[in-house]
């Protein structure tokens, strides 16, 4: 999952993990807590070797920043990160809306 860098950060194409990290960072958190949340969300094991390079890349793109709080590094969205997160989530919803709607309606028995 790669990030394509453009002059305008609103044109970034984020991978699914990067989008999920931005979405979870609506509430600032430290890396270990973020890893736990991703493991639940993805129902798979996210390792430090996956998470921290992702955080580093998002930091390089100036979408997140971090501060030390005691012995923990807490990550949070920058203003650009908030905008890119919204744009990426909107793109995701537009892309997968039909699949989601069909799948959910089939599973729950709701007729359209």
N, C-alpha and C. Protein backbone atom coordinates (compact mmCIF):
# COMPACT_ATOMS: atom_id res chain seq x y z
N UNK A 1 0.85 -1.16 0.00
CA UNK A 1 0.00 0.00 0.00
C UNK A 1 0.90 1.24 0.00
N UNK A 2 0.91 1.94 -1.06
CA UNK A 2 1.83 3.07 -1.16
C UNK A 2 1.08 4.39 -1.10
N UNK A 3 1.83 5.39 -0.77
CA UNK A 3 1.31 6.75 -0.75
C UNK A 3 1.98 7.48 -1.90
N UNK A 4 1.20 8.06 -2.76
CA UNK A 4 1.74 8.86 -3.84
C UNK A 4 1.78 10.30 -3.38
N UNK A 5 2.94 10.91 -3.45
CA UNK A 5 3.07 12.29 -2.98
C UNK A 5 2.80 13.25 -4.12
N UNK A 6 1.92 14.17 -3.89
CA UNK A 6 1.57 15.22 -4.83
C UNK A 6 1.83 16.55 -4.15
N UNK A 7 1.87 17.62 -4.93
CA UNK A 7 2.03 18.95 -4.33
C UNK A 7 0.89 19.24 -3.38
N UNK A 8 -0.31 18.88 -3.76
CA UNK A 8 -1.50 19.13 -2.95
C UNK A 8 -1.82 17.87 -2.14
N UNK A 9 -1.72 17.96 -0.82
CA UNK A 9 -1.95 16.78 0.01
C UNK A 9 -3.37 16.25 -0.11
N UNK A 10 -4.30 17.04 -0.62
CA UNK A 10 -5.67 16.54 -0.78
C UNK A 10 -5.73 15.53 -1.91
N UNK A 11 -4.69 15.45 -2.74
CA UNK A 11 -4.67 14.49 -3.85
C UNK A 11 -3.93 13.21 -3.49
N UNK A 12 -3.57 13.02 -2.24
CA UNK A 12 -2.86 11.82 -1.82
C UNK A 12 -3.74 10.60 -2.01
N UNK A 13 -3.13 9.52 -2.45
CA UNK A 13 -3.82 8.24 -2.52
C UNK A 13 -3.23 7.37 -1.42
N UNK A 14 -3.99 7.18 -0.37
CA UNK A 14 -3.52 6.41 0.76
C UNK A 14 -3.94 4.97 0.65
N UNK A 15 -3.12 4.08 1.20
CA UNK A 15 -3.50 2.70 1.31
C UNK A 15 -4.49 2.50 2.45
N UNK A 16 -5.05 1.33 2.52
CA UNK A 16 -6.07 1.06 3.54
C UNK A 16 -5.51 1.20 4.95
N UNK A 17 -4.32 0.67 5.22
CA UNK A 17 -3.74 0.78 6.56
C UNK A 17 -3.50 2.24 6.93
N UNK A 18 -2.98 3.01 6.00
CA UNK A 18 -2.71 4.42 6.27
C UNK A 18 -4.01 5.17 6.56
N UNK A 19 -5.05 4.88 5.80
CA UNK A 19 -6.36 5.50 6.03
C UNK A 19 -6.89 5.11 7.40
N UNK A 20 -6.76 3.82 7.76
CA UNK A 20 -7.24 3.37 9.06
C UNK A 20 -6.47 4.04 10.19
N UNK A 21 -5.17 4.21 10.04
CA UNK A 21 -4.37 4.87 11.07
C UNK A 21 -4.84 6.31 11.24
N UNK A 22 -5.01 7.02 10.13
CA UNK A 22 -5.49 8.41 10.23
C UNK A 22 -6.85 8.46 10.91
N UNK A 23 -7.74 7.56 10.52
CA UNK A 23 -9.09 7.54 11.10
C UNK A 23 -9.03 7.29 12.61
N UNK A 24 -8.17 6.36 13.04
CA UNK A 24 -8.05 6.07 14.47
C UNK A 24 -7.39 7.22 15.23
N UNK A 25 -6.58 8.00 14.54
CA UNK A 25 -5.90 9.11 15.21
C UNK A 25 -6.78 10.35 15.34
N UNK A 26 -8.08 10.21 15.04
CA UNK A 26 -9.01 11.30 15.39
C UNK A 26 -8.89 11.56 16.88
N UNK A 27 -8.58 10.50 17.62
CA UNK A 27 -8.33 10.59 19.05
C UNK A 27 -6.85 10.27 19.26
N UNK A 28 -6.05 11.27 19.63
CA UNK A 28 -4.61 11.04 19.78
C UNK A 28 -4.32 9.83 20.67
N UNK A 29 -3.32 9.06 20.30
CA UNK A 29 -2.99 7.86 21.06
C UNK A 29 -1.52 7.49 20.83
N UNK A 30 -1.05 6.58 21.66
CA UNK A 30 0.32 6.11 21.51
C UNK A 30 0.35 4.85 20.65
N UNK A 31 1.55 4.48 20.21
CA UNK A 31 1.70 3.40 19.23
C UNK A 31 1.14 2.07 19.67
N UNK A 32 1.40 1.67 20.92
CA UNK A 32 0.92 0.36 21.37
C UNK A 32 -0.61 0.31 21.37
N UNK A 33 -1.25 1.37 21.84
CA UNK A 33 -2.72 1.42 21.84
C UNK A 33 -3.26 1.40 20.42
N UNK A 34 -2.60 2.12 19.53
CA UNK A 34 -2.99 2.13 18.12
C UNK A 34 -2.87 0.73 17.52
N UNK A 35 -1.79 0.04 17.85
CA UNK A 35 -1.59 -1.32 17.35
C UNK A 35 -2.71 -2.24 17.84
N UNK A 36 -3.09 -2.11 19.12
CA UNK A 36 -4.19 -2.93 19.66
C UNK A 36 -5.49 -2.65 18.92
N UNK A 37 -5.79 -1.38 18.67
CA UNK A 37 -7.03 -1.02 17.97
C UNK A 37 -7.02 -1.56 16.54
N UNK A 38 -5.89 -1.48 15.87
CA UNK A 38 -5.80 -1.99 14.50
C UNK A 38 -5.95 -3.51 14.48
N UNK A 39 -5.39 -4.19 15.47
CA UNK A 39 -5.53 -5.64 15.53
C UNK A 39 -6.99 -6.07 15.66
N UNK A 40 -7.77 -5.32 16.43
CA UNK A 40 -9.19 -5.61 16.57
C UNK A 40 -9.92 -5.27 15.27
N UNK A 41 -9.63 -4.10 14.74
CA UNK A 41 -10.29 -3.63 13.52
C UNK A 41 -10.02 -4.54 12.34
N UNK A 42 -8.78 -4.95 12.17
CA UNK A 42 -8.39 -5.74 11.02
C UNK A 42 -8.51 -7.24 11.26
N UNK A 43 -8.71 -7.63 12.51
CA UNK A 43 -8.79 -9.05 12.88
C UNK A 43 -7.55 -9.80 12.39
N UNK A 44 -6.43 -9.12 12.43
CA UNK A 44 -5.14 -9.69 12.07
C UNK A 44 -4.09 -8.99 12.90
N UNK A 45 -2.92 -9.57 12.97
CA UNK A 45 -1.87 -8.99 13.81
C UNK A 45 -1.09 -7.93 13.04
N UNK A 46 -1.13 -6.72 13.56
CA UNK A 46 -0.31 -5.63 13.04
C UNK A 46 0.92 -5.57 13.94
N UNK A 47 2.09 -5.67 13.34
CA UNK A 47 3.32 -5.67 14.12
C UNK A 47 3.94 -4.29 14.17
N UNK A 48 4.91 -4.14 15.06
CA UNK A 48 5.66 -2.89 15.12
C UNK A 48 6.35 -2.61 13.79
N UNK A 49 6.80 -3.68 13.13
CA UNK A 49 7.48 -3.54 11.84
C UNK A 49 6.57 -3.05 10.72
N UNK A 50 5.27 -3.14 10.93
CA UNK A 50 4.30 -2.61 9.97
C UNK A 50 3.83 -1.23 10.40
N UNK A 51 3.50 -1.09 11.69
CA UNK A 51 2.91 0.15 12.18
C UNK A 51 3.89 1.32 12.16
N UNK A 52 5.07 1.14 12.72
CA UNK A 52 5.95 2.29 12.88
C UNK A 52 6.47 2.86 11.56
N UNK A 53 6.77 2.04 10.54
CA UNK A 53 7.08 2.65 9.24
C UNK A 53 5.90 3.42 8.65
N UNK A 54 4.69 2.94 8.90
CA UNK A 54 3.49 3.64 8.43
C UNK A 54 3.38 4.99 9.14
N UNK A 55 3.58 5.00 10.46
CA UNK A 55 3.54 6.25 11.21
C UNK A 55 4.65 7.20 10.75
N UNK A 56 5.82 6.66 10.48
CA UNK A 56 6.93 7.49 10.02
C UNK A 56 6.60 8.13 8.68
N UNK A 57 6.00 7.36 7.77
CA UNK A 57 5.64 7.89 6.46
C UNK A 57 4.57 8.98 6.59
N UNK A 58 3.57 8.75 7.42
CA UNK A 58 2.53 9.76 7.62
C UNK A 58 3.12 11.02 8.25
N UNK A 59 4.13 10.86 9.10
CA UNK A 59 4.81 12.00 9.69
C UNK A 59 5.60 12.75 8.61
N UNK A 60 6.29 12.03 7.75
CA UNK A 60 7.04 12.66 6.65
C UNK A 60 6.12 13.47 5.74
N UNK A 61 4.91 12.98 5.57
CA UNK A 61 3.92 13.68 4.74
C UNK A 61 3.23 14.81 5.50
N UNK A 62 3.62 14.98 6.76
CA UNK A 62 3.07 16.03 7.63
C UNK A 62 1.57 15.86 7.87
N UNK A 63 1.13 14.60 7.90
CA UNK A 63 -0.28 14.30 8.18
C UNK A 63 -0.48 14.00 9.66
N UNK A 64 0.58 13.59 10.33
CA UNK A 64 0.54 13.37 11.77
C UNK A 64 1.77 14.01 12.40
N UNK A 65 1.71 14.16 13.70
CA UNK A 65 2.86 14.61 14.47
C UNK A 65 2.79 13.87 15.80
N UNK A 66 3.85 13.95 16.55
CA UNK A 66 3.85 13.25 17.83
C UNK A 66 4.57 14.07 18.89
N UNK A 67 4.23 13.77 20.14
CA UNK A 67 4.85 14.41 21.29
C UNK A 67 5.06 13.36 22.36
N UNK A 68 6.13 13.50 23.08
CA UNK A 68 6.38 12.59 24.20
C UNK A 68 5.50 13.01 25.38
N UNK A 69 4.81 12.04 25.95
CA UNK A 69 4.04 12.24 27.19
C UNK A 69 4.55 11.19 28.16
N UNK A 70 5.40 11.63 29.05
CA UNK A 70 6.06 10.66 29.92
C UNK A 70 7.00 9.81 29.09
N UNK A 71 6.80 8.50 29.16
CA UNK A 71 7.64 7.60 28.37
C UNK A 71 6.98 7.15 27.07
N UNK A 72 5.81 7.69 26.77
CA UNK A 72 5.08 7.27 25.57
C UNK A 72 5.05 8.39 24.54
N UNK A 73 5.18 8.01 23.29
CA UNK A 73 5.04 8.95 22.18
C UNK A 73 3.58 8.91 21.72
N UNK A 74 2.91 10.06 21.81
CA UNK A 74 1.50 10.15 21.45
C UNK A 74 1.39 10.80 20.07
N UNK A 75 0.66 10.14 19.19
CA UNK A 75 0.48 10.60 17.81
C UNK A 75 -0.87 11.29 17.66
N UNK A 76 -0.89 12.33 16.84
CA UNK A 76 -2.16 12.99 16.55
C UNK A 76 -2.12 13.58 15.15
N UNK A 77 -3.30 13.87 14.63
CA UNK A 77 -3.45 14.42 13.28
C UNK A 77 -3.04 15.88 13.25
N UNK A 78 -2.43 16.27 12.14
CA UNK A 78 -2.21 17.69 11.87
C UNK A 78 -3.46 18.21 11.17
N UNK A 79 -3.59 19.51 10.99
CA UNK A 79 -4.73 20.01 10.21
C UNK A 79 -4.79 19.39 8.81
N UNK A 80 -3.63 19.26 8.13
CA UNK A 80 -3.62 18.57 6.83
C UNK A 80 -4.06 17.13 6.98
N UNK A 81 -3.61 16.47 8.06
CA UNK A 81 -3.98 15.08 8.30
C UNK A 81 -5.48 14.91 8.47
N UNK A 82 -6.12 15.86 9.15
CA UNK A 82 -7.58 15.80 9.32
C UNK A 82 -8.28 15.91 7.97
N UNK A 83 -7.81 16.82 7.13
CA UNK A 83 -8.42 17.00 5.81
C UNK A 83 -8.20 15.77 4.94
N UNK A 84 -6.98 15.25 4.92
CA UNK A 84 -6.67 14.07 4.11
C UNK A 84 -7.45 12.86 4.62
N UNK A 85 -7.58 12.73 5.94
CA UNK A 85 -8.36 11.63 6.50
C UNK A 85 -9.81 11.71 6.02
N UNK A 86 -10.41 12.89 6.09
CA UNK A 86 -11.79 13.05 5.61
C UNK A 86 -11.88 12.71 4.13
N UNK A 87 -10.96 13.24 3.32
CA UNK A 87 -10.98 12.98 1.88
C UNK A 87 -10.80 11.49 1.57
N UNK A 88 -9.87 10.85 2.29
CA UNK A 88 -9.61 9.42 2.06
C UNK A 88 -10.80 8.57 2.47
N UNK A 89 -11.42 8.89 3.60
CA UNK A 89 -12.60 8.14 4.04
C UNK A 89 -13.76 8.34 3.07
N UNK A 90 -13.92 9.55 2.56
CA UNK A 90 -14.97 9.82 1.57
C UNK A 90 -14.71 9.02 0.29
N UNK A 91 -13.47 9.03 -0.18
CA UNK A 91 -13.12 8.25 -1.37
C UNK A 91 -13.39 6.76 -1.14
N UNK A 92 -13.02 6.27 0.04
CA UNK A 92 -13.25 4.87 0.37
C UNK A 92 -14.74 4.55 0.31
N UNK A 93 -15.55 5.41 0.93
CA UNK A 93 -17.01 5.20 0.95
C UNK A 93 -17.59 5.22 -0.46
N UNK A 94 -17.15 6.16 -1.28
CA UNK A 94 -17.64 6.23 -2.66
C UNK A 94 -17.26 4.98 -3.44
N UNK A 95 -16.03 4.52 -3.23
CA UNK A 95 -15.54 3.36 -3.97
C UNK A 95 -16.27 2.08 -3.59
N UNK A 96 -16.54 1.90 -2.30
CA UNK A 96 -17.08 0.62 -1.83
C UNK A 96 -18.55 0.68 -1.42
N UNK A 97 -19.23 1.79 -1.69
CA UNK A 97 -20.62 1.95 -1.29
C UNK A 97 -21.51 0.82 -1.83
N UNK A 98 -21.44 0.55 -3.10
CA UNK A 98 -22.30 -0.48 -3.69
C UNK A 98 -22.04 -1.85 -3.11
N UNK A 99 -20.78 -2.20 -2.94
CA UNK A 99 -20.43 -3.49 -2.36
C UNK A 99 -20.95 -3.57 -0.93
N UNK A 100 -20.72 -2.54 -0.16
CA UNK A 100 -21.15 -2.52 1.23
C UNK A 100 -22.68 -2.63 1.32
N UNK A 101 -23.36 -1.83 0.52
CA UNK A 101 -24.82 -1.84 0.55
C UNK A 101 -25.37 -3.21 0.18
N UNK A 102 -24.85 -3.81 -0.87
CA UNK A 102 -25.33 -5.13 -1.28
C UNK A 102 -25.02 -6.18 -0.23
N UNK A 103 -23.80 -6.17 0.32
CA UNK A 103 -23.40 -7.17 1.30
C UNK A 103 -24.22 -7.04 2.57
N UNK A 104 -24.35 -5.83 3.09
CA UNK A 104 -25.10 -5.63 4.33
C UNK A 104 -26.56 -5.99 4.12
N UNK A 105 -27.14 -5.58 3.01
CA UNK A 105 -28.55 -5.88 2.77
C UNK A 105 -28.79 -7.38 2.62
N UNK A 106 -27.87 -8.09 1.97
CA UNK A 106 -28.00 -9.55 1.85
C UNK A 106 -27.91 -10.21 3.21
N UNK A 107 -26.97 -9.77 4.03
CA UNK A 107 -26.73 -10.41 5.33
C UNK A 107 -27.84 -10.12 6.33
N UNK A 108 -28.40 -8.91 6.29
CA UNK A 108 -29.40 -8.57 7.31
C UNK A 108 -30.82 -8.85 6.82
N UNK A 109 -30.99 -9.14 5.55
CA UNK A 109 -32.31 -9.48 5.04
C UNK A 109 -33.17 -8.28 4.72
N UNK A 110 -32.60 -7.08 4.74
CA UNK A 110 -33.34 -5.88 4.44
C UNK A 110 -33.56 -5.79 2.94
N UNK A 111 -34.78 -5.58 2.53
CA UNK A 111 -35.10 -5.42 1.10
C UNK A 111 -35.02 -3.96 0.73
N UNK A 112 -34.48 -3.69 -0.44
CA UNK A 112 -34.40 -2.31 -0.89
C UNK A 112 -35.53 -1.99 -1.80
